[in-house]
């Protein structure tokens, strides 16, 4: 494993062991629930949006190390940012996990630690659950987010 991969792994493990912004926010004006049935991850994202800016963000839930670290790093990355910028960041993060970020030279800072996840397609859902749940909270969606398509009714 390269030194860079070692560093990335350590950042993920650190955010899993000691997640940042992991609490129920009492002053939230938006929230959303997310679930990844394949891994058992469950997440609730809380937001306080004022004048189009994410003034505060937190999460609660339980999940694998990738999911928990993604939640933690996401909260650090988006706090204080305008919603429009957060939506662009989500798109860039998603592009990185689908393999096109390196070719496009996207700048993701600490979020780059998840770049190796794209080699494990099942784990991509673990890394993106928090972000899809964040989008649902921004859009004030009442339905829970899931990483799996809804079963068709017969």
N, C-alpha and C. Protein backbone atom coordinates (compact mmCIF):
# COMPACT_ATOMS: atom_id res chain seq x y z
N UNK A 1 0.84 -1.17 0.00
CA UNK A 1 0.00 0.00 0.00
C UNK A 1 0.89 1.24 0.00
N UNK A 2 0.54 2.24 -0.79
CA UNK A 2 1.34 3.45 -0.88
C UNK A 2 1.13 4.31 0.37
N UNK A 3 2.02 5.28 0.56
CA UNK A 3 1.91 6.19 1.69
C UNK A 3 0.61 6.98 1.62
N UNK A 4 0.21 7.36 0.42
CA UNK A 4 -1.04 8.10 0.24
C UNK A 4 -2.24 7.25 0.62
N UNK A 5 -2.25 5.99 0.20
CA UNK A 5 -3.33 5.08 0.58
C UNK A 5 -3.37 4.87 2.09
N UNK A 6 -2.21 4.76 2.72
CA UNK A 6 -2.13 4.63 4.17
C UNK A 6 -2.75 5.85 4.85
N UNK A 7 -2.42 7.04 4.35
CA UNK A 7 -2.97 8.27 4.90
C UNK A 7 -4.49 8.30 4.74
N UNK A 8 -4.97 7.95 3.56
CA UNK A 8 -6.40 7.94 3.31
C UNK A 8 -7.10 6.99 4.27
N UNK A 9 -6.54 5.80 4.43
CA UNK A 9 -7.13 4.81 5.33
C UNK A 9 -7.17 5.34 6.76
N UNK A 10 -6.11 6.00 7.18
CA UNK A 10 -6.05 6.54 8.54
C UNK A 10 -7.10 7.64 8.76
N UNK A 11 -7.30 8.49 7.76
CA UNK A 11 -8.32 9.54 7.86
C UNK A 11 -9.71 8.91 8.00
N UNK A 12 -10.00 7.91 7.20
CA UNK A 12 -11.30 7.23 7.27
C UNK A 12 -11.48 6.57 8.63
N UNK A 13 -10.45 5.89 9.12
CA UNK A 13 -10.55 5.24 10.42
C UNK A 13 -10.72 6.25 11.54
N UNK A 14 -10.02 7.38 11.46
CA UNK A 14 -10.14 8.42 12.48
C UNK A 14 -11.57 8.98 12.52
N UNK A 15 -12.14 9.27 11.37
CA UNK A 15 -13.51 9.81 11.32
C UNK A 15 -14.54 8.76 11.69
N UNK A 16 -14.22 7.50 11.53
CA UNK A 16 -15.12 6.44 11.99
C UNK A 16 -15.07 6.32 13.52
N UNK A 17 -13.86 6.35 14.07
CA UNK A 17 -13.70 6.23 15.53
C UNK A 17 -14.24 7.44 16.27
N UNK A 18 -13.99 8.61 15.74
CA UNK A 18 -14.40 9.86 16.38
C UNK A 18 -15.11 10.75 15.36
N UNK A 19 -16.35 10.40 15.00
CA UNK A 19 -17.06 11.19 14.00
C UNK A 19 -17.33 12.61 14.49
N UNK A 20 -17.15 13.55 13.59
CA UNK A 20 -17.42 14.95 13.89
C UNK A 20 -18.88 15.26 13.61
N UNK A 21 -19.45 16.16 14.40
CA UNK A 21 -20.82 16.64 14.20
C UNK A 21 -21.85 15.52 14.28
N UNK A 22 -21.61 14.56 15.15
CA UNK A 22 -22.51 13.41 15.29
C UNK A 22 -23.38 13.62 16.54
N UNK A 23 -24.54 14.25 16.31
CA UNK A 23 -25.50 14.51 17.39
C UNK A 23 -26.83 14.92 16.76
N UNK A 24 -27.88 14.87 17.54
CA UNK A 24 -29.19 15.34 17.09
C UNK A 24 -29.25 16.84 17.29
N UNK A 25 -29.43 17.57 16.22
CA UNK A 25 -29.48 19.02 16.29
C UNK A 25 -30.89 19.48 16.65
N UNK A 26 -31.02 20.17 17.76
CA UNK A 26 -32.33 20.63 18.22
C UNK A 26 -32.85 21.82 17.42
N UNK A 27 -31.97 22.61 16.84
CA UNK A 27 -32.40 23.81 16.12
C UNK A 27 -32.48 23.59 14.60
N UNK A 28 -32.51 22.34 14.15
CA UNK A 28 -32.57 22.05 12.71
C UNK A 28 -33.90 22.53 12.13
N UNK A 29 -33.83 23.08 10.92
CA UNK A 29 -35.06 23.42 10.21
C UNK A 29 -35.29 22.51 9.00
N UNK A 30 -34.40 21.54 8.82
CA UNK A 30 -34.56 20.51 7.79
C UNK A 30 -33.89 19.24 8.29
N UNK A 31 -34.42 18.10 7.88
CA UNK A 31 -33.77 16.82 8.19
C UNK A 31 -34.24 15.78 7.18
N UNK A 32 -33.51 14.70 7.09
CA UNK A 32 -33.88 13.59 6.20
C UNK A 32 -33.24 12.31 6.74
N UNK A 33 -33.89 11.20 6.42
CA UNK A 33 -33.41 9.87 6.81
C UNK A 33 -32.91 9.13 5.58
N UNK A 34 -31.87 8.32 5.78
CA UNK A 34 -31.33 7.51 4.70
C UNK A 34 -31.02 6.11 5.19
N UNK A 35 -31.10 5.14 4.26
CA UNK A 35 -30.86 3.74 4.60
C UNK A 35 -30.20 3.02 3.44
N UNK A 36 -29.17 2.25 3.77
CA UNK A 36 -28.50 1.39 2.80
C UNK A 36 -28.76 -0.05 3.23
N UNK A 37 -29.78 -0.71 2.67
CA UNK A 37 -30.13 -2.06 3.11
C UNK A 37 -29.04 -3.10 2.88
N UNK A 38 -28.18 -2.90 1.88
CA UNK A 38 -27.14 -3.89 1.62
C UNK A 38 -26.11 -3.97 2.73
N UNK A 39 -25.81 -2.83 3.35
CA UNK A 39 -24.78 -2.79 4.39
C UNK A 39 -25.39 -2.59 5.78
N UNK A 40 -26.66 -2.17 5.83
CA UNK A 40 -27.31 -1.91 7.10
C UNK A 40 -27.08 -0.51 7.64
N UNK A 41 -26.51 0.37 6.84
CA UNK A 41 -26.26 1.75 7.26
C UNK A 41 -27.58 2.51 7.39
N UNK A 42 -27.73 3.27 8.46
CA UNK A 42 -28.86 4.18 8.61
C UNK A 42 -28.31 5.54 9.06
N UNK A 43 -28.85 6.60 8.48
CA UNK A 43 -28.35 7.94 8.72
C UNK A 43 -29.53 8.91 8.81
N UNK A 44 -29.42 9.86 9.70
CA UNK A 44 -30.33 11.00 9.73
C UNK A 44 -29.45 12.24 9.70
N UNK A 45 -29.71 13.13 8.73
CA UNK A 45 -28.97 14.37 8.58
C UNK A 45 -29.86 15.52 9.02
N UNK A 46 -29.29 16.39 9.84
CA UNK A 46 -29.98 17.57 10.35
C UNK A 46 -29.30 18.82 9.77
N UNK A 47 -30.10 19.78 9.33
CA UNK A 47 -29.58 21.02 8.77
C UNK A 47 -30.26 22.22 9.40
N UNK A 48 -29.50 23.28 9.51
CA UNK A 48 -30.08 24.60 9.78
C UNK A 48 -29.61 25.47 8.63
N UNK A 49 -30.54 25.77 7.74
CA UNK A 49 -30.25 26.58 6.57
C UNK A 49 -30.85 27.96 6.81
N UNK A 50 -30.02 28.98 6.65
CA UNK A 50 -30.45 30.37 6.79
C UNK A 50 -29.99 31.13 5.55
N UNK A 51 -30.94 31.77 4.88
CA UNK A 51 -30.64 32.60 3.71
C UNK A 51 -29.77 31.86 2.69
N UNK A 52 -30.11 30.58 2.44
CA UNK A 52 -29.43 29.80 1.42
C UNK A 52 -28.06 29.26 1.80
N UNK A 53 -27.70 29.34 3.10
CA UNK A 53 -26.40 28.87 3.56
C UNK A 53 -26.61 27.81 4.65
N UNK A 54 -25.83 26.74 4.58
CA UNK A 54 -25.88 25.71 5.63
C UNK A 54 -25.11 26.26 6.82
N UNK A 55 -25.86 26.81 7.76
CA UNK A 55 -25.25 27.41 8.95
C UNK A 55 -24.80 26.34 9.94
N UNK A 56 -25.51 25.21 9.98
CA UNK A 56 -25.14 24.13 10.89
C UNK A 56 -25.61 22.82 10.29
N UNK A 57 -24.86 21.76 10.58
CA UNK A 57 -25.18 20.43 10.08
C UNK A 57 -24.70 19.40 11.09
N UNK A 58 -25.50 18.36 11.25
CA UNK A 58 -25.10 17.23 12.09
C UNK A 58 -25.75 15.97 11.54
N UNK A 59 -25.35 14.84 12.12
CA UNK A 59 -25.95 13.58 11.70
C UNK A 59 -26.00 12.64 12.88
N UNK A 60 -26.85 11.65 12.76
CA UNK A 60 -26.90 10.53 13.69
C UNK A 60 -27.09 9.27 12.86
N UNK A 61 -26.75 8.15 13.44
CA UNK A 61 -26.98 6.90 12.76
C UNK A 61 -25.91 5.90 13.11
N UNK A 62 -25.98 4.80 12.40
CA UNK A 62 -24.94 3.79 12.57
C UNK A 62 -24.71 3.15 11.22
N UNK A 63 -23.46 2.73 11.04
CA UNK A 63 -23.12 2.12 9.77
C UNK A 63 -21.67 1.68 9.77
N UNK A 64 -21.25 1.25 8.62
CA UNK A 64 -19.88 0.78 8.45
C UNK A 64 -18.92 1.98 8.54
N UNK A 65 -17.63 1.69 8.55
CA UNK A 65 -16.62 2.74 8.66
C UNK A 65 -16.69 3.73 7.51
N UNK A 66 -16.94 3.25 6.31
CA UNK A 66 -17.01 4.14 5.14
C UNK A 66 -18.18 5.10 5.29
N UNK A 67 -19.34 4.60 5.68
CA UNK A 67 -20.53 5.44 5.83
C UNK A 67 -20.33 6.47 6.93
N UNK A 68 -19.85 6.04 8.08
CA UNK A 68 -19.68 6.96 9.20
C UNK A 68 -18.64 8.04 8.87
N UNK A 69 -17.53 7.64 8.28
CA UNK A 69 -16.49 8.60 7.90
C UNK A 69 -17.02 9.57 6.84
N UNK A 70 -17.81 9.07 5.91
CA UNK A 70 -18.37 9.92 4.88
C UNK A 70 -19.30 10.97 5.49
N UNK A 71 -20.13 10.55 6.44
CA UNK A 71 -21.01 11.50 7.14
C UNK A 71 -20.18 12.58 7.83
N UNK A 72 -19.18 12.14 8.56
CA UNK A 72 -18.35 13.05 9.34
C UNK A 72 -17.62 14.06 8.45
N UNK A 73 -16.96 13.56 7.43
CA UNK A 73 -16.22 14.45 6.53
C UNK A 73 -17.16 15.35 5.74
N UNK A 74 -18.34 14.84 5.37
CA UNK A 74 -19.32 15.65 4.66
C UNK A 74 -19.73 16.85 5.50
N UNK A 75 -20.00 16.61 6.80
CA UNK A 75 -20.44 17.73 7.64
C UNK A 75 -19.37 18.81 7.71
N UNK A 76 -18.10 18.40 7.80
CA UNK A 76 -17.02 19.38 7.82
C UNK A 76 -16.91 20.13 6.49
N UNK A 77 -17.14 19.43 5.40
CA UNK A 77 -16.97 20.03 4.07
C UNK A 77 -18.06 21.03 3.71
N UNK A 78 -19.27 20.85 4.22
CA UNK A 78 -20.37 21.69 3.76
C UNK A 78 -20.79 22.78 4.74
N UNK A 79 -20.37 22.69 5.98
CA UNK A 79 -20.78 23.68 6.98
C UNK A 79 -20.33 25.08 6.56
N UNK A 80 -21.29 26.01 6.58
CA UNK A 80 -21.00 27.40 6.23
C UNK A 80 -21.02 27.70 4.75
N UNK A 81 -21.32 26.71 3.94
CA UNK A 81 -21.31 26.91 2.48
C UNK A 81 -22.73 27.18 1.96
N UNK A 82 -22.83 27.95 0.89
CA UNK A 82 -24.13 28.14 0.24
C UNK A 82 -24.64 26.81 -0.33
N UNK A 83 -25.95 26.64 -0.30
CA UNK A 83 -26.56 25.41 -0.80
C UNK A 83 -26.16 25.15 -2.25
N UNK A 84 -26.07 26.19 -3.06
CA UNK A 84 -25.69 26.01 -4.47
C UNK A 84 -24.29 25.39 -4.59
N UNK A 85 -23.38 25.82 -3.73
CA UNK A 85 -22.01 25.27 -3.74
C UNK A 85 -22.01 23.83 -3.23
N UNK A 86 -22.85 23.53 -2.27
CA UNK A 86 -22.94 22.17 -1.72
C UNK A 86 -23.46 21.21 -2.79
N UNK A 87 -24.42 21.66 -3.58
CA UNK A 87 -24.93 20.80 -4.67
C UNK A 87 -23.83 20.51 -5.69
N UNK A 88 -22.99 21.49 -6.00
CA UNK A 88 -21.87 21.27 -6.91
C UNK A 88 -20.86 20.31 -6.29
N UNK A 89 -20.61 20.44 -4.99
CA UNK A 89 -19.69 19.54 -4.29
C UNK A 89 -20.21 18.11 -4.33
N UNK A 90 -21.52 17.93 -4.14
CA UNK A 90 -22.12 16.60 -4.23
C UNK A 90 -21.84 16.00 -5.61
N UNK A 91 -22.07 16.79 -6.65
CA UNK A 91 -21.84 16.30 -8.02
C UNK A 91 -20.38 15.88 -8.22
N UNK A 92 -19.45 16.69 -7.72
CA UNK A 92 -18.03 16.37 -7.85
C UNK A 92 -17.66 15.11 -7.06
N UNK A 93 -18.22 14.98 -5.86
CA UNK A 93 -17.96 13.80 -5.03
C UNK A 93 -18.47 12.55 -5.74
N UNK A 94 -19.68 12.64 -6.29
CA UNK A 94 -20.27 11.51 -7.00
C UNK A 94 -19.44 11.15 -8.23
N UNK A 95 -18.98 12.16 -8.96
CA UNK A 95 -18.14 11.91 -10.14
C UNK A 95 -16.84 11.22 -9.75
N UNK A 96 -16.27 11.61 -8.60
CA UNK A 96 -15.04 10.97 -8.15
C UNK A 96 -15.29 9.48 -7.89
N UNK A 97 -16.41 9.16 -7.26
CA UNK A 97 -16.70 7.77 -6.92
C UNK A 97 -17.09 6.94 -8.13
N UNK A 98 -17.50 7.58 -9.20
CA UNK A 98 -17.81 6.84 -10.42
C UNK A 98 -16.63 6.80 -11.38
N UNK A 99 -15.51 7.40 -10.96
CA UNK A 99 -14.28 7.23 -11.73
C UNK A 99 -13.91 8.32 -12.69
N UNK A 100 -14.62 9.43 -12.71
CA UNK A 100 -14.28 10.46 -13.69
C UNK A 100 -13.60 11.68 -13.08
N UNK A 101 -13.54 11.78 -11.75
CA UNK A 101 -12.98 12.97 -11.11
C UNK A 101 -11.50 13.17 -11.44
N UNK A 102 -10.73 12.10 -11.45
CA UNK A 102 -9.29 12.23 -11.71
C UNK A 102 -9.04 12.81 -13.10
N UNK A 103 -9.84 12.36 -14.05
CA UNK A 103 -9.68 12.85 -15.42
C UNK A 103 -10.08 14.32 -15.53
N UNK A 104 -11.01 14.77 -14.69
CA UNK A 104 -11.49 16.14 -14.77
C UNK A 104 -10.72 17.07 -13.84
N UNK A 105 -9.82 16.54 -13.03
CA UNK A 105 -9.03 17.36 -12.14
C UNK A 105 -9.83 18.04 -11.05
N UNK A 106 -10.86 17.38 -10.55
CA UNK A 106 -11.70 17.97 -9.52
C UNK A 106 -10.94 18.12 -8.21
N UNK A 107 -11.17 19.22 -7.53
CA UNK A 107 -10.52 19.51 -6.25
C UNK A 107 -11.51 19.23 -5.12
N UNK A 108 -11.28 18.20 -4.35
CA UNK A 108 -12.20 17.81 -3.30
C UNK A 108 -11.59 17.86 -1.91
N UNK A 109 -10.35 18.26 -1.79
CA UNK A 109 -9.72 18.35 -0.48
C UNK A 109 -9.74 17.01 0.24
N UNK A 110 -10.11 17.03 1.52
CA UNK A 110 -10.11 15.82 2.34
C UNK A 110 -11.04 14.74 1.79
N UNK A 111 -12.06 15.14 1.05
CA UNK A 111 -13.01 14.16 0.52
C UNK A 111 -12.34 13.21 -0.47
N UNK A 112 -11.17 13.56 -0.94
CA UNK A 112 -10.42 12.71 -1.86
C UNK A 112 -10.08 11.36 -1.22
N UNK A 113 -10.15 11.26 0.13
CA UNK A 113 -9.84 9.99 0.80
C UNK A 113 -10.75 8.86 0.34
N UNK A 114 -11.90 9.19 -0.23
CA UNK A 114 -12.84 8.17 -0.68
C UNK A 114 -12.60 7.72 -2.12
N UNK A 115 -11.59 8.25 -2.76
CA UNK A 115 -11.31 7.94 -4.16
C UNK A 115 -11.16 6.43 -4.39
N UNK A 116 -10.50 5.73 -3.49
CA UNK A 116 -10.30 4.29 -3.64
C UNK A 116 -11.56 3.47 -3.52
N UNK A 117 -12.62 4.06 -2.99
CA UNK A 117 -13.88 3.33 -2.80
C UNK A 117 -14.47 2.92 -4.15
N UNK A 118 -14.19 3.70 -5.18
CA UNK A 118 -14.78 3.36 -6.49
C UNK A 118 -14.34 2.00 -7.00
N UNK A 119 -13.25 1.46 -6.45
CA UNK A 119 -12.79 0.12 -6.82
C UNK A 119 -13.70 -0.97 -6.24
N UNK A 120 -14.57 -0.59 -5.32
CA UNK A 120 -15.49 -1.53 -4.65
C UNK A 120 -16.91 -1.00 -4.81
N UNK A 121 -17.58 -1.33 -5.92
CA UNK A 121 -18.89 -0.73 -6.23
C UNK A 121 -19.93 -0.82 -5.10
N UNK A 122 -19.95 -1.90 -4.34
CA UNK A 122 -20.92 -2.01 -3.25
C UNK A 122 -20.65 -0.94 -2.19
N UNK A 123 -19.38 -0.60 -1.97
CA UNK A 123 -19.00 0.40 -0.96
C UNK A 123 -19.30 1.83 -1.41
N UNK A 124 -19.47 2.04 -2.72
CA UNK A 124 -19.82 3.38 -3.20
C UNK A 124 -21.14 3.82 -2.56
N UNK A 125 -22.07 2.89 -2.40
CA UNK A 125 -23.35 3.22 -1.77
C UNK A 125 -23.15 3.64 -0.32
N UNK A 126 -22.20 3.02 0.36
CA UNK A 126 -21.89 3.39 1.75
C UNK A 126 -21.36 4.83 1.81
N UNK A 127 -20.52 5.19 0.85
CA UNK A 127 -19.91 6.52 0.84
C UNK A 127 -20.89 7.61 0.40
N UNK A 128 -21.85 7.27 -0.44
CA UNK A 128 -22.75 8.29 -0.98
C UNK A 128 -24.06 8.42 -0.20
N UNK A 129 -24.37 7.49 0.69
CA UNK A 129 -25.63 7.56 1.43
C UNK A 129 -25.79 8.90 2.14
N UNK A 130 -24.76 9.34 2.85
CA UNK A 130 -24.84 10.62 3.57
C UNK A 130 -25.15 11.77 2.62
N UNK A 131 -24.52 11.76 1.46
CA UNK A 131 -24.70 12.85 0.49
C UNK A 131 -26.09 12.85 -0.10
N UNK A 132 -26.63 11.67 -0.41
CA UNK A 132 -28.00 11.60 -0.93
C UNK A 132 -28.99 12.05 0.15
N UNK A 133 -28.70 11.71 1.40
CA UNK A 133 -29.56 12.12 2.51
C UNK A 133 -29.45 13.63 2.72
N UNK A 134 -28.26 14.18 2.58
CA UNK A 134 -28.07 15.63 2.64
C UNK A 134 -28.92 16.32 1.56
N UNK A 135 -28.88 15.81 0.34
CA UNK A 135 -29.69 16.40 -0.74
C UNK A 135 -31.17 16.35 -0.41
N UNK A 136 -31.63 15.25 0.16
CA UNK A 136 -33.04 15.13 0.54
C UNK A 136 -33.39 16.17 1.60
N UNK A 137 -32.50 16.40 2.55
CA UNK A 137 -32.74 17.41 3.59
C UNK A 137 -32.76 18.81 2.98
N UNK A 138 -31.83 19.10 2.09
CA UNK A 138 -31.80 20.40 1.42
C UNK A 138 -33.11 20.63 0.68
N UNK A 139 -33.58 19.59 -0.02
CA UNK A 139 -34.81 19.70 -0.81
C UNK A 139 -36.07 19.52 0.02
N UNK A 140 -35.90 19.32 1.33
CA UNK A 140 -37.01 19.16 2.27
C UNK A 140 -37.92 17.99 1.85
N UNK A 141 -37.29 16.89 1.45
CA UNK A 141 -38.00 15.69 1.02
C UNK A 141 -38.43 14.89 2.24
N UNK A 142 -39.67 14.47 2.26
CA UNK A 142 -40.17 13.72 3.41
C UNK A 142 -39.90 12.22 3.31
N UNK A 143 -39.80 11.70 2.10
CA UNK A 143 -39.57 10.27 1.94
C UNK A 143 -38.14 9.92 2.30
N UNK A 144 -37.92 8.79 2.99
CA UNK A 144 -36.55 8.37 3.31
C UNK A 144 -35.76 8.05 2.05
N UNK A 145 -34.47 8.30 2.09
CA UNK A 145 -33.55 7.99 0.99
C UNK A 145 -33.13 6.54 1.16
N UNK A 146 -33.01 5.83 0.04
CA UNK A 146 -32.47 4.47 0.07
C UNK A 146 -31.50 4.31 -1.07
N UNK A 147 -30.53 3.44 -0.89
CA UNK A 147 -29.55 3.20 -1.93
C UNK A 147 -30.02 2.15 -2.92
N UNK A 148 -31.16 1.54 -2.63
CA UNK A 148 -31.69 0.50 -3.51
C UNK A 148 -32.97 0.99 -4.20
N UNK A 149 -33.15 0.62 -5.47
CA UNK A 149 -34.38 1.01 -6.17
C UNK A 149 -35.59 0.38 -5.51
N UNK A 150 -36.68 1.09 -5.54
CA UNK A 150 -37.91 0.59 -4.95
C UNK A 150 -38.37 -0.66 -5.70
N UNK A 151 -38.88 -1.60 -4.95
CA UNK A 151 -39.41 -2.82 -5.57
C UNK A 151 -40.67 -2.47 -6.35
N UNK A 152 -40.77 -3.02 -7.54
CA UNK A 152 -41.95 -2.75 -8.35
C UNK A 152 -43.13 -3.49 -7.79
N UNK A 153 -44.27 -2.80 -7.75
CA UNK A 153 -45.48 -3.47 -7.25
C UNK A 153 -46.06 -4.33 -8.35
N UNK A 154 -46.64 -5.45 -7.93
CA UNK A 154 -47.17 -6.41 -8.90
C UNK A 154 -48.67 -6.35 -8.93
